[in-house]
N, C-alpha and C. Protein backbone atom coordinates (compact mmCIF):
# COMPACT_ATOMS: atom_id res chain seq x y z
N MET A 1 117.89 107.38 104.49
CA MET A 1 117.55 108.59 105.32
C MET A 1 117.48 107.23 106.51
N ALA A 2 118.54 107.44 107.35
CA ALA A 2 117.81 106.76 108.89
C ALA A 2 117.73 107.41 109.74
N PRO A 3 116.16 107.19 110.57
CA PRO A 3 115.58 108.31 111.00
C PRO A 3 115.51 107.29 112.41
N ARG A 4 116.20 107.65 113.75
CA ARG A 4 116.17 107.72 114.86
C ARG A 4 115.10 108.42 115.99
N ILE A 5 114.12 107.31 116.24
CA ILE A 5 113.38 107.90 116.96
C ILE A 5 113.00 107.02 118.86
N GLU A 6 113.01 108.57 119.14
CA GLU A 6 113.31 107.89 120.85
C GLU A 6 112.64 108.37 121.78
N VAL A 7 111.91 106.53 122.17
CA VAL A 7 111.06 108.19 123.49
C VAL A 7 111.62 107.58 124.98
N TRP A 8 111.65 108.79 125.87
CA TRP A 8 112.30 108.56 127.19
C TRP A 8 111.08 109.10 127.64
N LEU A 9 110.62 108.76 128.82
CA LEU A 9 109.48 107.94 129.68
C LEU A 9 110.57 108.43 131.11
N ASP A 10 109.65 109.00 132.01
CA ASP A 10 109.93 109.23 133.25
C ASP A 10 108.57 108.33 134.12
N PRO A 11 109.30 107.86 135.30
CA PRO A 11 107.65 106.12 135.28
C PRO A 11 107.82 106.90 136.41
N GLN A 12 108.01 107.98 136.94
CA GLN A 12 108.03 108.54 138.59
C GLN A 12 106.42 109.25 138.18
N SER A 13 106.41 110.33 136.94
CA SER A 13 105.34 110.43 136.12
C SER A 13 104.03 109.39 136.02
N ILE A 14 104.72 108.48 135.42
CA ILE A 14 103.70 107.59 135.49
C ILE A 14 102.53 107.38 136.45
N LEU A 15 103.06 106.68 136.98
CA LEU A 15 103.11 106.62 138.51
C LEU A 15 101.79 107.34 139.60
N THR A 16 102.68 108.80 139.16
CA THR A 16 102.06 109.34 140.61
C THR A 16 100.94 110.44 139.44
N GLY A 17 101.43 110.22 138.08
CA GLY A 17 100.42 111.25 137.61
C GLY A 17 98.78 111.18 137.40
N ALA A 18 98.98 112.67 137.61
CA ALA A 18 97.26 113.22 138.00
C ALA A 18 95.74 112.69 137.36
N GLY A 19 96.14 112.05 135.85
CA GLY A 19 95.20 112.70 135.57
C GLY A 19 96.00 112.16 133.39
N GLU A 20 95.23 111.48 132.92
CA GLU A 20 95.44 110.96 131.76
C GLU A 20 96.05 112.40 131.10
N SER A 21 96.24 114.02 130.53
CA SER A 21 96.96 115.34 130.42
C SER A 21 98.29 115.57 131.27
N THR A 22 98.72 114.23 132.01
CA THR A 22 100.24 114.59 132.51
C THR A 22 101.13 113.99 131.77
N PRO A 23 102.13 115.03 131.25
CA PRO A 23 103.07 114.71 130.82
C PRO A 23 104.09 114.00 131.38
N VAL A 24 104.29 112.88 130.61
CA VAL A 24 104.56 111.80 131.30
C VAL A 24 106.52 111.45 131.06
N GLY A 25 106.45 111.74 129.07
CA GLY A 25 108.26 111.87 128.42
C GLY A 25 108.25 112.93 127.16
N SER A 26 109.33 112.25 126.84
CA SER A 26 109.45 112.64 124.94
C SER A 26 109.25 112.36 124.32
N LEU A 27 109.11 112.64 123.22
CA LEU A 27 108.82 111.44 121.48
C LEU A 27 110.40 112.78 120.90
N LEU A 28 110.85 111.64 120.55
CA LEU A 28 112.34 112.09 120.01
C LEU A 28 112.32 111.87 118.17
N LEU A 29 113.12 112.73 117.38
CA LEU A 29 113.65 112.58 116.28
C LEU A 29 114.78 113.02 115.79
N GLY A 30 115.30 112.24 115.79
CA GLY A 30 116.73 112.50 114.97
C GLY A 30 117.29 110.93 113.71
N SER A 31 118.60 111.67 113.81
CA SER A 31 118.99 111.24 112.07
C SER A 31 120.66 110.56 112.54
N TRP A 32 122.00 109.46 112.42
CA TRP A 32 122.53 109.63 112.49
C TRP A 32 123.36 109.91 110.99
N ASP A 33 122.67 110.17 110.01
CA ASP A 33 123.16 111.21 108.71
C ASP A 33 123.80 112.96 109.22
N GLU A 34 125.15 113.10 109.28
CA GLU A 34 125.09 113.73 109.18
C GLU A 34 124.40 114.56 108.09
N ARG A 35 124.87 114.64 106.94
CA ARG A 35 124.02 115.45 105.51
C ARG A 35 122.26 115.72 105.65
N VAL A 36 121.25 114.75 107.12
CA VAL A 36 120.30 114.40 106.51
C VAL A 36 120.20 115.93 107.38
N LYS A 37 120.55 115.71 108.95
CA LYS A 37 121.06 117.35 110.05
C LYS A 37 121.70 118.25 109.90
N LYS A 38 122.25 118.63 108.65
CA LYS A 38 122.17 119.41 108.21
C LYS A 38 121.13 120.00 107.87
N ILE A 39 120.44 119.33 106.37
CA ILE A 39 118.98 119.61 105.88
C ILE A 39 118.05 120.27 107.13
N PHE A 40 118.15 119.51 108.16
CA PHE A 40 116.62 119.51 108.81
C PHE A 40 117.49 120.90 109.58
N ARG A 41 118.31 121.07 110.24
CA ARG A 41 118.38 121.74 111.25
C ARG A 41 118.60 123.92 110.43
N GLY A 42 118.78 123.54 108.81
CA GLY A 42 119.14 125.30 108.41
C GLY A 42 118.71 124.73 107.20
N GLN A 43 117.55 124.77 106.18
CA GLN A 43 117.35 124.66 105.45
C GLN A 43 115.25 123.77 106.09
N GLU A 44 114.35 125.41 104.79
CA GLU A 44 113.22 125.52 105.47
C GLU A 44 112.72 124.28 104.86
N PRO A 45 111.53 123.91 104.54
CA PRO A 45 110.58 123.82 105.98
C PRO A 45 110.73 123.93 106.99
N TYR A 46 112.29 122.65 106.76
CA TYR A 46 112.33 121.69 108.28
C TYR A 46 112.28 122.62 109.33
N ARG A 47 113.34 123.82 108.71
CA ARG A 47 113.93 124.53 110.00
C ARG A 47 112.62 125.30 111.26
N SER A 48 111.32 125.98 110.42
CA SER A 48 110.69 126.52 111.12
C SER A 48 109.47 124.92 111.53
N ALA A 49 109.53 123.62 110.46
CA ALA A 49 108.95 122.93 111.42
C ALA A 49 108.69 122.21 112.94
N LEU A 50 110.04 122.17 112.28
CA LEU A 50 110.55 120.99 114.07
C LEU A 50 110.87 121.59 114.82
N SER A 51 111.39 121.45 115.79
CA SER A 51 111.42 122.25 117.20
C SER A 51 112.27 121.01 117.60
N ARG A 52 113.63 121.87 117.78
CA ARG A 52 114.91 120.96 118.41
C ARG A 52 114.82 120.71 120.12
N LYS A 53 115.64 119.96 120.01
CA LYS A 53 115.30 119.45 121.98
C LYS A 53 115.97 119.00 122.26
N GLY A 54 117.38 119.20 121.77
CA GLY A 54 118.82 118.32 122.67
C GLY A 54 119.76 119.11 121.72
N SER A 55 121.28 118.36 121.53
CA SER A 55 121.37 118.90 120.56
C SER A 55 121.69 117.36 120.22
N ARG A 56 121.03 116.42 120.12
CA ARG A 56 121.06 115.34 119.37
C ARG A 56 119.49 115.32 118.15
N ASN A 57 118.97 115.67 118.15
CA ASN A 57 117.63 115.35 117.85
C ASN A 57 116.84 117.17 117.25
N ASP A 58 116.18 116.42 116.04
CA ASP A 58 116.04 118.34 114.93
C ASP A 58 114.75 118.32 116.11
N HIS A 59 114.62 117.25 116.77
CA HIS A 59 112.60 117.76 117.32
C HIS A 59 112.46 117.04 117.74
N GLY A 60 111.74 117.66 118.72
CA GLY A 60 110.82 116.72 120.21
C GLY A 60 109.76 116.96 120.60
N GLU A 61 109.07 115.98 120.81
CA GLU A 61 107.80 116.52 121.54
C GLU A 61 107.39 116.22 122.83
N SER A 62 105.79 116.92 123.96
CA SER A 62 105.83 116.14 124.41
C SER A 62 104.60 114.33 124.74
N ILE A 63 104.88 113.99 125.65
CA ILE A 63 104.44 112.70 125.53
C ILE A 63 103.58 112.66 126.87
N LEU A 64 102.15 112.62 126.71
CA LEU A 64 101.09 112.63 127.77
C LEU A 64 100.44 111.13 127.72
N LEU A 65 99.96 110.88 129.16
CA LEU A 65 100.71 109.83 129.44
C LEU A 65 99.23 109.46 128.69
N ASN A 66 98.27 109.54 128.00
CA ASN A 66 97.23 109.84 127.44
C ASN A 66 98.24 108.95 126.40
N ASP A 67 98.47 109.44 125.55
CA ASP A 67 99.77 108.90 124.40
C ASP A 67 99.99 107.80 124.67
N LEU A 68 100.66 106.91 125.65
CA LEU A 68 100.99 106.13 125.21
C LEU A 68 99.95 104.75 124.92
N ARG A 69 98.89 105.00 124.99
CA ARG A 69 98.56 104.13 124.30
C ARG A 69 99.01 103.74 122.79
N PHE A 70 99.23 102.35 122.54
CA PHE A 70 99.43 101.18 121.43
C PHE A 70 98.79 103.32 119.66
N GLU A 71 98.34 102.70 119.76
CA GLU A 71 97.50 102.81 118.87
C GLU A 71 97.27 105.07 118.33
N ILE A 72 96.98 105.65 119.56
CA ILE A 72 97.91 107.35 120.13
C ILE A 72 99.02 107.22 119.98
N MET A 73 100.17 105.98 120.53
CA MET A 73 101.48 106.54 119.94
C MET A 73 102.20 106.95 118.35
N THR A 74 101.22 105.41 117.43
CA THR A 74 101.77 105.28 116.34
C THR A 74 101.37 106.41 115.65
N GLU A 75 100.53 106.86 115.75
CA GLU A 75 100.06 107.52 115.06
C GLU A 75 100.39 109.23 115.10
N ARG A 76 100.77 108.87 116.41
CA ARG A 76 102.15 110.49 117.16
C ARG A 76 103.41 110.35 116.29
N VAL A 77 103.95 109.18 116.27
CA VAL A 77 105.20 108.69 115.56
C VAL A 77 104.97 109.19 114.10
N LYS A 78 103.87 108.37 114.16
CA LYS A 78 103.44 108.92 111.96
C LYS A 78 103.18 110.53 111.75
N ARG A 79 102.50 111.34 111.76
CA ARG A 79 102.34 112.45 111.79
C ARG A 79 104.57 113.27 112.10
N MET A 80 104.60 112.49 113.20
CA MET A 80 105.97 113.41 112.97
C MET A 80 106.85 113.42 111.71
N MET A 81 106.22 111.54 111.08
CA MET A 81 107.07 111.48 110.26
C MET A 81 107.36 112.17 109.35
N GLU A 82 105.42 112.78 108.99
CA GLU A 82 105.56 113.04 107.97
C GLU A 82 105.88 114.96 107.76
N LYS A 83 106.02 115.09 109.26
CA LYS A 83 106.63 116.58 108.90
C LYS A 83 108.16 117.03 108.21
N VAL A 84 108.90 115.43 108.62
CA VAL A 84 110.07 115.35 107.30
C VAL A 84 109.87 114.25 105.91
N GLY A 85 108.83 114.01 105.64
CA GLY A 85 108.70 114.08 104.15
C GLY A 85 108.40 112.16 104.37
N ILE A 86 108.71 111.16 105.73
CA ILE A 86 108.57 109.88 105.07
C ILE A 86 108.27 109.53 104.50
N PHE A 87 106.36 110.05 105.19
CA PHE A 87 105.59 109.18 104.84
C PHE A 87 104.24 110.47 104.35
N GLU A 88 104.47 110.89 103.25
CA GLU A 88 103.99 112.12 102.50
C GLU A 88 103.48 111.42 101.49
């Protein structure tokens, strides 16, 4: 399985944020493999554990300004990958 991880950030929100709890983007998980997409989108436990965001991503989570620190972001990615059984 080849996971696709994307981090989309809004530079304007980063610069004008009102504090560490300001939403500044999205952390997205997907796959290029059509078989994997079918499993994530149609079978349990994935269907109920993941939150689809857009047509090409199987899971999406908001990123807060505080999450941009390296140690926090890497932990977020690890937890997200655990939801799909990659780091169990």
